[in-house]
Amino acid sequence: MDALGNDSAVSRVAGAIAEPARTKMLCSLMDGHARTSTEMAVIAEVSASTASAHLARLKEDGLIRLHTQGRHRYYSLADAQVAQAIETLMVIGQNVDSRFVCATPTRLQFARTCYDHMAGTLAVRLHDHFMVSGWLAPTVAGEGAYTLTVTGETVMAELGIDTDKVRAQRRRFACSCLDWSMRRPHLAGALGAAVLRAVIRRGWVIQDLDSRALALTSTGRKALAERFGILLESAERAGPPHSTRAPSYY
């Protein structure tokens, strides 16, 4: 694509994201769940017809996907690249004010989903531990990509992760994603998604039904301390799987 074509494409996608109602819709899908147009209208605080128009624009620009099951229609983010772009834009948005003070709600700041992988304080600490322990290493090509060391392969196997299957996916194996609340990297890519599935499957964290928040369980806190030496404050305890708070998607 030539320079003019690139400019035009970037402008169009930026315009699609920039509209406030569409931004709310995209952010609501950052938890990896699919939602109906009715749910999206409520989230964006617009009428059903307006929501349909917004969703059509987002779909046309390749930012979301439509899933049809019988008479039901659901929308999700197009892929992990879209989620990473939104997370990066959140970081850039906070950079507008050089006096950075994180205003992210405590539960979301501690642990949340970033599309299909984990973000927040817990995710950053896991990323750092994987790096310091020599389980993850930057690839020769760089660009935020990682490879697993021999020891790292063993650790992932102990978590129940089949790294051969993870590598076979048509996406980046492991890479960094700049965390918007911490401004430091957490683990993304196919491996990051596999780690999130593993900790949910083991009952270490519980995902909210109405937000991106992940609640750490007592089992999870004990496992993180014993396996990875990550000690967490007692205040960072598990909440109910369905939060009574108003939904928060940012």
Protein backbone atom coordinates (compact mmCIF):
# COMPACT_ATOMS: atom_id res chain seq x y z
CA MET A 1 0.00 0.00 0.00
CA ASP A 2 1.36 3.43 -0.91
CA ALA A 3 1.76 6.31 1.53
CA LEU A 4 -1.48 7.96 0.48
CA GLY A 5 -3.36 4.69 0.93
CA ASN A 6 -1.85 4.20 4.38
CA ASP A 7 -2.85 7.71 5.42
CA SER A 8 -6.39 7.15 4.24
CA ALA A 9 -6.73 3.79 5.98
CA VAL A 10 -5.33 5.09 9.27
CA SER A 11 -7.62 8.11 9.15
CA ARG A 12 -10.68 5.98 8.58
CA VAL A 13 -9.91 3.54 11.40
CA ALA A 14 -9.02 6.41 13.74
CA GLY A 15 -12.33 8.05 12.88
CA ALA A 16 -14.20 4.86 13.65
CA ILE A 17 -12.58 4.58 17.07
CA ALA A 18 -12.80 8.29 17.89
CA GLU A 19 -16.61 8.52 18.09
CA PRO A 20 -17.44 8.30 21.86
CA ALA A 21 -20.25 5.74 21.52
CA ARG A 22 -18.09 3.49 19.33
CA THR A 23 -15.20 3.84 21.77
CA LYS A 24 -17.44 2.60 24.59
CA MET A 25 -18.52 -0.34 22.45
CA LEU A 26 -14.95 -1.34 21.64
CA CYS A 27 -13.81 -1.02 25.25
CA SER A 28 -16.73 -3.16 26.41
CA LEU A 29 -15.49 -5.97 24.17
CA MET A 30 -12.00 -5.87 25.68
CA ASP A 31 -13.05 -8.60 28.12
CA GLY A 32 -13.19 -11.07 25.24
CA HIS A 33 -16.94 -11.62 25.47
CA ALA A 34 -19.35 -11.24 22.55
CA ARG A 35 -22.38 -9.00 23.01
CA THR A 36 -25.66 -8.33 21.22
CA SER A 37 -26.53 -5.03 19.58
CA THR A 38 -29.09 -4.44 22.36
CA GLU A 39 -26.38 -4.78 25.01
CA MET A 40 -24.09 -2.52 23.01
CA ALA A 41 -26.80 0.13 22.78
CA VAL A 42 -27.14 0.14 26.57
CA ILE A 43 -23.37 0.32 27.04
CA ALA A 44 -22.99 3.18 24.54
CA GLU A 45 -26.12 4.94 25.84
CA VAL A 46 -27.64 5.25 22.37
CA SER A 47 -30.82 4.05 20.68
CA ALA A 48 -31.02 0.61 19.06
CA SER A 49 -30.99 2.09 15.55
CA THR A 50 -27.98 4.28 16.34
CA ALA A 51 -26.15 1.30 17.86
CA SER A 52 -26.78 -0.72 14.69
CA ALA A 53 -25.27 2.06 12.58
CA HIS A 54 -22.21 2.27 14.82
CA LEU A 55 -21.73 -1.50 14.77
CA ALA A 56 -22.00 -1.54 10.98
CA ARG A 57 -19.24 1.08 10.77
CA LEU A 58 -16.98 -0.83 13.15
CA LYS A 59 -17.56 -4.06 11.24
CA GLU A 60 -16.90 -2.39 7.88
CA ASP A 61 -13.58 -1.06 9.15
CA GLY A 62 -12.52 -4.48 10.41
CA LEU A 63 -12.58 -3.65 14.12
CA ILE A 64 -15.32 -6.08 15.16
CA ARG A 65 -16.75 -9.39 13.96
CA LEU A 66 -20.36 -10.50 13.66
CA HIS A 67 -21.29 -13.97 14.92
CA THR A 68 -24.69 -15.41 13.99
CA GLN A 69 -26.30 -18.25 15.94
CA GLY A 70 -29.78 -18.93 14.66
CA ARG A 71 -31.72 -15.72 15.07
CA HIS A 72 -29.17 -14.28 17.47
CA ARG A 73 -26.39 -11.91 16.39
CA TYR A 74 -23.34 -11.23 18.55
CA TYR A 75 -20.40 -8.87 18.14
CA SER A 76 -16.81 -9.30 19.32
CA LEU A 77 -13.47 -7.62 18.67
CA ALA A 78 -12.00 -8.70 15.33
CA ASP A 79 -8.81 -10.05 16.87
CA ALA A 80 -6.08 -9.55 19.46
CA GLN A 81 -4.40 -6.86 17.33
CA VAL A 82 -7.44 -4.61 17.73
CA ALA A 83 -7.41 -5.17 21.50
CA GLN A 84 -3.70 -4.33 21.69
CA ALA A 85 -4.25 -1.17 19.66
CA ILE A 86 -7.00 -0.02 22.03
CA GLU A 87 -4.86 -0.78 25.08
CA THR A 88 -2.03 1.25 23.53
CA LEU A 89 -4.38 4.16 22.82
CA MET A 90 -5.38 4.12 26.49
CA VAL A 91 -1.72 4.54 27.43
CA ILE A 92 -1.27 7.35 24.92
CA GLY A 93 -4.40 9.03 26.25
CA GLN A 94 -2.93 9.10 29.74
CA ASN A 95 0.34 10.48 28.36
CA VAL A 96 -1.48 13.70 27.42
CA ASP A 97 -1.03 14.70 31.06
CA SER A 98 2.62 14.23 32.03
CA ARG A 99 1.64 14.09 35.70
CA PHE A 100 0.53 10.48 35.54
CA VAL A 101 -1.76 9.40 38.34
CA CYS A 102 -3.53 6.12 37.71
CA ALA A 103 -7.28 6.59 38.07
CA THR A 104 -8.17 3.03 37.16
CA PRO A 105 -10.63 1.43 39.65
CA THR A 106 -8.69 -0.67 42.15
CA ARG A 107 -10.16 -4.01 41.07
CA LEU A 108 -9.42 -3.34 37.40
CA GLN A 109 -5.95 -2.03 38.16
CA PHE A 110 -5.06 -5.18 40.08
CA ALA A 111 -6.18 -7.76 37.53
CA ARG A 112 -8.36 -7.66 34.41
CA THR A 113 -8.67 -9.17 30.98
CA CYS A 114 -7.12 -7.50 27.96
CA TYR A 115 -9.15 -9.32 25.30
CA ASP A 116 -7.88 -12.89 25.75
CA HIS A 117 -4.93 -12.37 28.08
CA MET A 118 -4.35 -10.90 31.54
CA ALA A 119 -3.54 -7.28 32.33
CA GLY A 120 -3.06 -5.17 35.44
CA THR A 121 -0.71 -5.33 38.41
CA LEU A 122 -0.87 -9.12 38.69
CA ALA A 123 -0.12 -9.63 34.99
CA VAL A 124 2.83 -7.23 35.08
CA ARG A 125 4.28 -9.00 38.12
CA LEU A 126 3.91 -12.37 36.41
CA HIS A 127 5.61 -11.01 33.28
CA ASP A 128 8.48 -9.62 35.33
CA HIS A 129 8.88 -12.90 37.22
CA PHE A 130 8.92 -14.91 33.98
CA MET A 131 11.66 -12.63 32.64
CA VAL A 132 13.80 -12.49 35.79
CA SER A 133 13.54 -16.26 36.23
CA GLY A 134 14.80 -16.78 32.69
CA TRP A 135 11.62 -18.52 31.51
CA LEU A 136 10.97 -15.92 28.82
CA ALA A 137 13.64 -14.31 26.64
CA PRO A 138 13.45 -11.65 23.90
CA THR A 139 13.75 -13.04 20.40
CA VAL A 140 16.64 -12.05 18.15
CA ALA A 141 14.20 -10.12 15.97
CA GLY A 142 13.08 -8.08 18.97
CA GLU A 143 9.97 -5.96 18.48
CA GLY A 144 8.57 -7.09 21.81
CA ALA A 145 8.50 -10.77 20.84
CA TYR A 146 9.49 -13.51 23.28
CA THR A 147 10.57 -17.13 23.16
CA LEU A 148 10.36 -19.72 25.92
CA THR A 149 13.58 -21.13 27.34
CA VAL A 150 13.93 -24.82 28.17
CA THR A 151 13.04 -24.07 31.79
CA GLY A 152 10.12 -21.95 30.64
CA GLU A 153 8.77 -24.86 28.60
CA THR A 154 8.83 -27.02 31.74
CA VAL A 155 7.03 -24.37 33.80
CA MET A 156 4.30 -24.00 31.18
CA ALA A 157 3.85 -27.77 31.01
CA GLU A 158 3.41 -27.81 34.80
CA LEU A 159 0.61 -25.27 34.36
CA GLY A 160 -1.06 -27.62 31.91
CA ILE A 161 -0.16 -25.58 28.82
CA ASP A 162 0.63 -27.49 25.63
CA THR A 163 3.13 -25.13 24.05
CA ASP A 164 3.19 -27.07 20.76
CA LYS A 165 -0.52 -26.37 20.28
CA VAL A 166 0.00 -22.77 21.33
CA ARG A 167 2.75 -22.31 18.72
CA ALA A 168 0.55 -23.85 16.03
CA GLN A 169 -1.93 -20.97 16.26
CA ARG A 170 -1.88 -18.42 13.45
CA ARG A 171 -0.79 -15.51 15.64
CA ARG A 172 2.27 -14.29 17.51
CA PHE A 173 3.44 -16.86 20.03
CA ALA A 174 4.43 -14.51 22.86
CA CYS A 175 4.88 -10.76 22.96
CA SER A 176 4.72 -7.77 25.26
CA CYS A 177 1.65 -5.55 25.56
CA LEU A 178 2.04 -2.19 27.29
CA ASP A 179 -0.29 -2.16 30.30
CA TRP A 180 -2.41 0.99 30.35
CA SER A 181 -2.78 1.17 34.15
CA MET A 182 0.82 0.18 35.00
CA ARG A 183 2.62 1.60 31.94
CA ARG A 184 4.78 -1.50 31.91
CA PRO A 185 4.51 -4.65 29.76
CA HIS A 186 2.43 -7.72 30.46
CA LEU A 187 2.45 -10.98 28.48
CA ALA A 188 0.24 -11.14 25.38
CA GLY A 189 0.03 -13.33 22.28
CA ALA A 190 -1.05 -16.96 22.14
CA LEU A 191 1.01 -17.79 25.23
CA GLY A 192 -0.51 -14.94 27.23
CA ALA A 193 -3.98 -16.23 26.33
CA ALA A 194 -2.98 -19.76 27.36
CA VAL A 195 -1.70 -18.54 30.73
CA LEU A 196 -5.00 -16.74 31.41
CA ARG A 197 -7.00 -19.87 30.53
CA ALA A 198 -4.74 -21.92 32.79
CA VAL A 199 -5.14 -19.73 35.88
CA ILE A 200 -8.93 -19.56 35.38
CA ARG A 201 -9.11 -23.33 34.91
CA ARG A 202 -7.13 -23.86 38.11
CA GLY A 203 -9.40 -21.51 40.04
CA TRP A 204 -6.66 -19.00 40.78
CA VAL A 205 -8.72 -16.13 39.43
CA ILE A 206 -12.43 -15.66 38.73
CA GLN A 207 -13.64 -13.46 35.90
CA ASP A 208 -16.50 -11.03 36.50
CA LEU A 209 -19.56 -11.56 34.37
CA ASP A 210 -20.16 -7.85 33.84
CA SER A 211 -16.70 -6.30 33.65
CA ARG A 212 -13.08 -6.96 32.74
CA ALA A 213 -12.09 -7.48 36.38
CA LEU A 214 -10.43 -10.67 37.56
CA ALA A 215 -10.70 -11.58 41.24
CA LEU A 216 -7.82 -13.44 42.87
CA THR A 217 -8.92 -16.40 44.98
CA SER A 218 -7.27 -17.64 48.17
CA THR A 219 -6.12 -20.70 46.19
CA GLY A 220 -4.58 -18.40 43.61
CA ARG A 221 -2.79 -16.28 46.18
CA LYS A 222 -1.28 -19.38 47.78
CA ALA A 223 -0.25 -20.86 44.42
CA LEU A 224 1.36 -17.61 43.23
CA ALA A 225 3.36 -17.39 46.45
CA GLU A 226 4.49 -21.02 46.40
CA ARG A 227 5.16 -21.40 42.67
CA PHE A 228 6.40 -17.95 41.72
CA GLY A 229 7.27 -16.23 44.99
CA ILE A 230 4.70 -13.51 44.26
CA LEU A 231 3.35 -12.26 47.59
CA LEU A 232 0.12 -10.27 47.48
CA GLU A 233 -1.61 -8.14 50.06
CA SER A 234 -4.55 -9.65 51.93
CA ALA A 235 -6.76 -6.86 50.61
CA GLU A 236 -6.41 -8.31 47.10
CA ARG A 237 -8.94 -11.02 47.78
CA ALA A 238 -11.46 -12.69 45.56
CA GLY A 239 -14.83 -11.06 45.12
CA PRO A 240 -18.01 -12.70 43.89
CA PRO A 241 -17.90 -13.87 40.27
CA HIS A 242 -20.78 -11.52 39.47
CA SER A 243 -19.97 -8.06 40.75
CA THR A 244 -22.70 -5.95 42.34
CA ARG A 245 -20.93 -2.83 41.16
CA ALA A 246 -21.94 -1.01 37.99
CA PRO A 247 -20.17 -2.46 34.95
CA SER A 248 -16.79 -0.92 34.16
CA TYR A 249 -15.08 -1.61 30.85
CA TYR A 250 -12.04 0.69 30.99
